[in-house]
Amino acid sequence: MANHGILAGANDLLNAFNIVEEIEYCSEVYTKAKAIGEPVILPHEEMVLMAEKFKTYGQRVSKENK
């Protein structure tokens, strides 16, 4: 029962730990940004656009599918 909060956003414990690691990384980046000044927070519309672009970020298309 101790992990039920973490698992609410994941399918299993491994996914839950991956989510937690990402949240910790984002927190670290935000804290470092705050240390050097006020970070620019993207508006909701820009975040939606970035989320769409990141859906295929880093994925490679095989030569057979071109």
N, C-alpha and C. Protein backbone atom coordinates (compact mmCIF):
# COMPACT_ATOMS: atom_id res chain seq x y z
N MET A 1 0.81 -1.19 0.00
CA MET A 1 0.00 0.00 0.00
C MET A 1 0.86 1.26 0.00
N ALA A 2 2.11 1.14 0.41
CA ALA A 2 2.99 2.31 0.49
C ALA A 2 3.25 2.93 -0.88
N ASN A 3 3.20 2.15 -1.95
CA ASN A 3 3.49 2.65 -3.29
C ASN A 3 2.26 3.05 -4.08
N HIS A 4 1.10 3.02 -3.49
CA HIS A 4 -0.12 3.24 -4.27
C HIS A 4 -0.16 4.62 -4.92
N GLY A 5 0.43 5.63 -4.32
CA GLY A 5 0.45 6.96 -4.93
C GLY A 5 1.31 7.00 -6.17
N ILE A 6 2.45 6.34 -6.11
CA ILE A 6 3.35 6.30 -7.26
C ILE A 6 2.74 5.48 -8.39
N LEU A 7 2.14 4.37 -8.05
CA LEU A 7 1.59 3.48 -9.07
C LEU A 7 0.35 4.04 -9.75
N ALA A 8 -0.26 5.05 -9.17
CA ALA A 8 -1.48 5.62 -9.76
C ALA A 8 -1.22 6.12 -11.18
N GLY A 9 0.01 6.56 -11.48
CA GLY A 9 0.32 7.06 -12.81
C GLY A 9 1.09 6.08 -13.67
N ALA A 10 1.24 4.85 -13.23
CA ALA A 10 2.06 3.87 -13.96
C ALA A 10 1.36 2.52 -13.99
N ASN A 11 1.78 1.71 -14.93
CA ASN A 11 1.22 0.37 -15.06
C ASN A 11 1.83 -0.63 -14.09
N ASP A 12 3.09 -0.40 -13.70
CA ASP A 12 3.77 -1.32 -12.82
C ASP A 12 4.83 -0.57 -12.03
N LEU A 13 5.50 -1.27 -11.15
CA LEU A 13 6.49 -0.63 -10.28
C LEU A 13 7.67 -0.07 -11.06
N LEU A 14 8.13 -0.77 -12.10
CA LEU A 14 9.25 -0.28 -12.90
C LEU A 14 8.89 1.04 -13.57
N ASN A 15 7.70 1.11 -14.17
CA ASN A 15 7.24 2.36 -14.77
C ASN A 15 7.13 3.46 -13.73
N ALA A 16 6.66 3.12 -12.55
CA ALA A 16 6.52 4.10 -11.48
C ALA A 16 7.88 4.69 -11.12
N PHE A 17 8.91 3.84 -11.01
CA PHE A 17 10.25 4.34 -10.70
C PHE A 17 10.78 5.22 -11.83
N ASN A 18 10.49 4.87 -13.08
CA ASN A 18 10.91 5.70 -14.21
C ASN A 18 10.26 7.08 -14.14
N ILE A 19 8.98 7.11 -13.79
CA ILE A 19 8.27 8.38 -13.66
C ILE A 19 8.89 9.22 -12.55
N VAL A 20 9.16 8.59 -11.42
CA VAL A 20 9.76 9.31 -10.29
C VAL A 20 11.13 9.87 -10.67
N GLU A 21 11.93 9.10 -11.40
CA GLU A 21 13.24 9.59 -11.83
C GLU A 21 13.09 10.81 -12.73
N GLU A 22 12.13 10.80 -13.63
CA GLU A 22 11.91 11.94 -14.52
C GLU A 22 11.47 13.17 -13.73
N ILE A 23 10.60 12.97 -12.76
CA ILE A 23 10.15 14.09 -11.92
C ILE A 23 11.32 14.66 -11.13
N GLU A 24 12.18 13.80 -10.58
CA GLU A 24 13.35 14.27 -9.85
C GLU A 24 14.29 15.05 -10.77
N TYR A 25 14.47 14.57 -11.99
CA TYR A 25 15.33 15.27 -12.95
C TYR A 25 14.76 16.66 -13.27
N CYS A 26 13.47 16.72 -13.54
CA CYS A 26 12.84 18.01 -13.84
C CYS A 26 12.96 18.96 -12.65
N SER A 27 12.81 18.43 -11.45
CA SER A 27 12.95 19.24 -10.24
C SER A 27 14.37 19.78 -10.12
N GLU A 28 15.36 18.95 -10.44
CA GLU A 28 16.76 19.38 -10.39
C GLU A 28 17.01 20.51 -11.39
N VAL A 29 16.52 20.35 -12.62
CA VAL A 29 16.71 21.38 -13.64
C VAL A 29 16.04 22.68 -13.21
N TYR A 30 14.83 22.59 -12.67
CA TYR A 30 14.11 23.79 -12.23
C TYR A 30 14.85 24.48 -11.09
N THR A 31 15.36 23.69 -10.14
CA THR A 31 16.09 24.27 -9.00
C THR A 31 17.35 24.98 -9.47
N LYS A 32 18.08 24.37 -10.40
CA LYS A 32 19.28 25.01 -10.94
C LYS A 32 18.94 26.27 -11.71
N ALA A 33 17.85 26.24 -12.46
CA ALA A 33 17.42 27.43 -13.20
C ALA A 33 17.06 28.56 -12.24
N LYS A 34 16.37 28.22 -11.16
CA LYS A 34 15.99 29.23 -10.16
C LYS A 34 17.22 29.84 -9.49
N ALA A 35 18.30 29.05 -9.38
CA ALA A 35 19.51 29.53 -8.73
C ALA A 35 20.19 30.64 -9.53
N ILE A 36 19.98 30.67 -10.84
CA ILE A 36 20.63 31.69 -11.67
C ILE A 36 19.67 32.78 -12.13
N GLY A 37 18.41 32.68 -11.75
CA GLY A 37 17.43 33.70 -12.13
C GLY A 37 16.05 33.10 -12.23
N GLU A 38 15.13 33.91 -12.68
CA GLU A 38 13.75 33.44 -12.82
C GLU A 38 13.59 32.73 -14.16
N PRO A 39 13.30 31.42 -14.14
CA PRO A 39 13.15 30.68 -15.40
C PRO A 39 11.90 31.11 -16.15
N VAL A 40 11.96 30.98 -17.45
CA VAL A 40 10.80 31.29 -18.29
C VAL A 40 9.92 30.04 -18.33
N ILE A 41 8.69 30.19 -17.91
CA ILE A 41 7.74 29.08 -17.94
C ILE A 41 6.92 29.21 -19.22
N LEU A 42 6.94 28.17 -20.03
CA LEU A 42 6.21 28.20 -21.29
C LEU A 42 4.71 28.25 -21.04
N PRO A 43 3.99 29.03 -21.86
CA PRO A 43 2.53 29.03 -21.74
C PRO A 43 1.95 27.68 -22.16
N HIS A 44 0.72 27.41 -21.76
CA HIS A 44 0.06 26.14 -22.04
C HIS A 44 0.08 25.79 -23.53
N GLU A 45 -0.19 26.76 -24.38
CA GLU A 45 -0.24 26.51 -25.83
C GLU A 45 1.11 26.02 -26.34
N GLU A 46 2.18 26.61 -25.84
CA GLU A 46 3.52 26.19 -26.26
C GLU A 46 3.84 24.78 -25.74
N MET A 47 3.40 24.47 -24.54
CA MET A 47 3.62 23.13 -23.99
C MET A 47 2.88 22.08 -24.82
N VAL A 48 1.68 22.39 -25.27
CA VAL A 48 0.92 21.47 -26.11
C VAL A 48 1.68 21.23 -27.42
N LEU A 49 2.20 22.30 -28.00
CA LEU A 49 2.98 22.17 -29.24
C LEU A 49 4.23 21.32 -29.02
N MET A 50 4.95 21.56 -27.93
CA MET A 50 6.15 20.79 -27.63
C MET A 50 5.82 19.32 -27.36
N ALA A 51 4.74 19.05 -26.66
CA ALA A 51 4.33 17.67 -26.39
C ALA A 51 4.06 16.94 -27.70
N GLU A 52 3.45 17.62 -28.65
CA GLU A 52 3.17 17.02 -29.96
C GLU A 52 4.47 16.70 -30.69
N LYS A 53 5.42 17.63 -30.66
CA LYS A 53 6.70 17.43 -31.34
C LYS A 53 7.51 16.30 -30.70
N PHE A 54 7.40 16.14 -29.38
CA PHE A 54 8.18 15.12 -28.69
C PHE A 54 7.60 13.72 -28.85
N LYS A 55 6.41 13.58 -29.42
CA LYS A 55 5.84 12.25 -29.62
C LYS A 55 6.73 11.37 -30.49
N THR A 56 7.42 11.99 -31.44
CA THR A 56 8.28 11.23 -32.34
C THR A 56 9.76 11.59 -32.18
N TYR A 57 10.09 12.39 -31.19
CA TYR A 57 11.48 12.82 -30.98
C TYR A 57 12.38 11.62 -30.71
N GLY A 58 13.48 11.55 -31.44
CA GLY A 58 14.46 10.50 -31.22
C GLY A 58 14.14 9.17 -31.89
N GLN A 59 12.97 9.07 -32.48
CA GLN A 59 12.61 7.82 -33.15
C GLN A 59 13.21 7.83 -34.55
N ARG A 60 13.68 6.68 -34.94
CA ARG A 60 14.31 6.58 -36.26
C ARG A 60 13.37 5.84 -37.20
N VAL A 61 13.40 6.26 -38.43
CA VAL A 61 12.60 5.60 -39.47
C VAL A 61 13.53 4.65 -40.21
N SER A 62 13.11 3.40 -40.31
CA SER A 62 13.96 2.44 -41.02
C SER A 62 13.98 2.78 -42.51
N LYS A 63 15.06 2.38 -43.17
CA LYS A 63 15.20 2.65 -44.60
C LYS A 63 14.13 1.97 -45.41
N GLU A 64 13.59 0.88 -44.88
CA GLU A 64 12.54 0.13 -45.57
C GLU A 64 11.24 0.91 -45.61
N ASN A 65 10.99 1.78 -44.61
CA ASN A 65 9.73 2.52 -44.52
C ASN A 65 9.75 3.83 -45.26
N LYS A 66 10.88 4.19 -45.87
CA LYS A 66 10.97 5.47 -46.59
C LYS A 66 10.39 5.37 -47.96
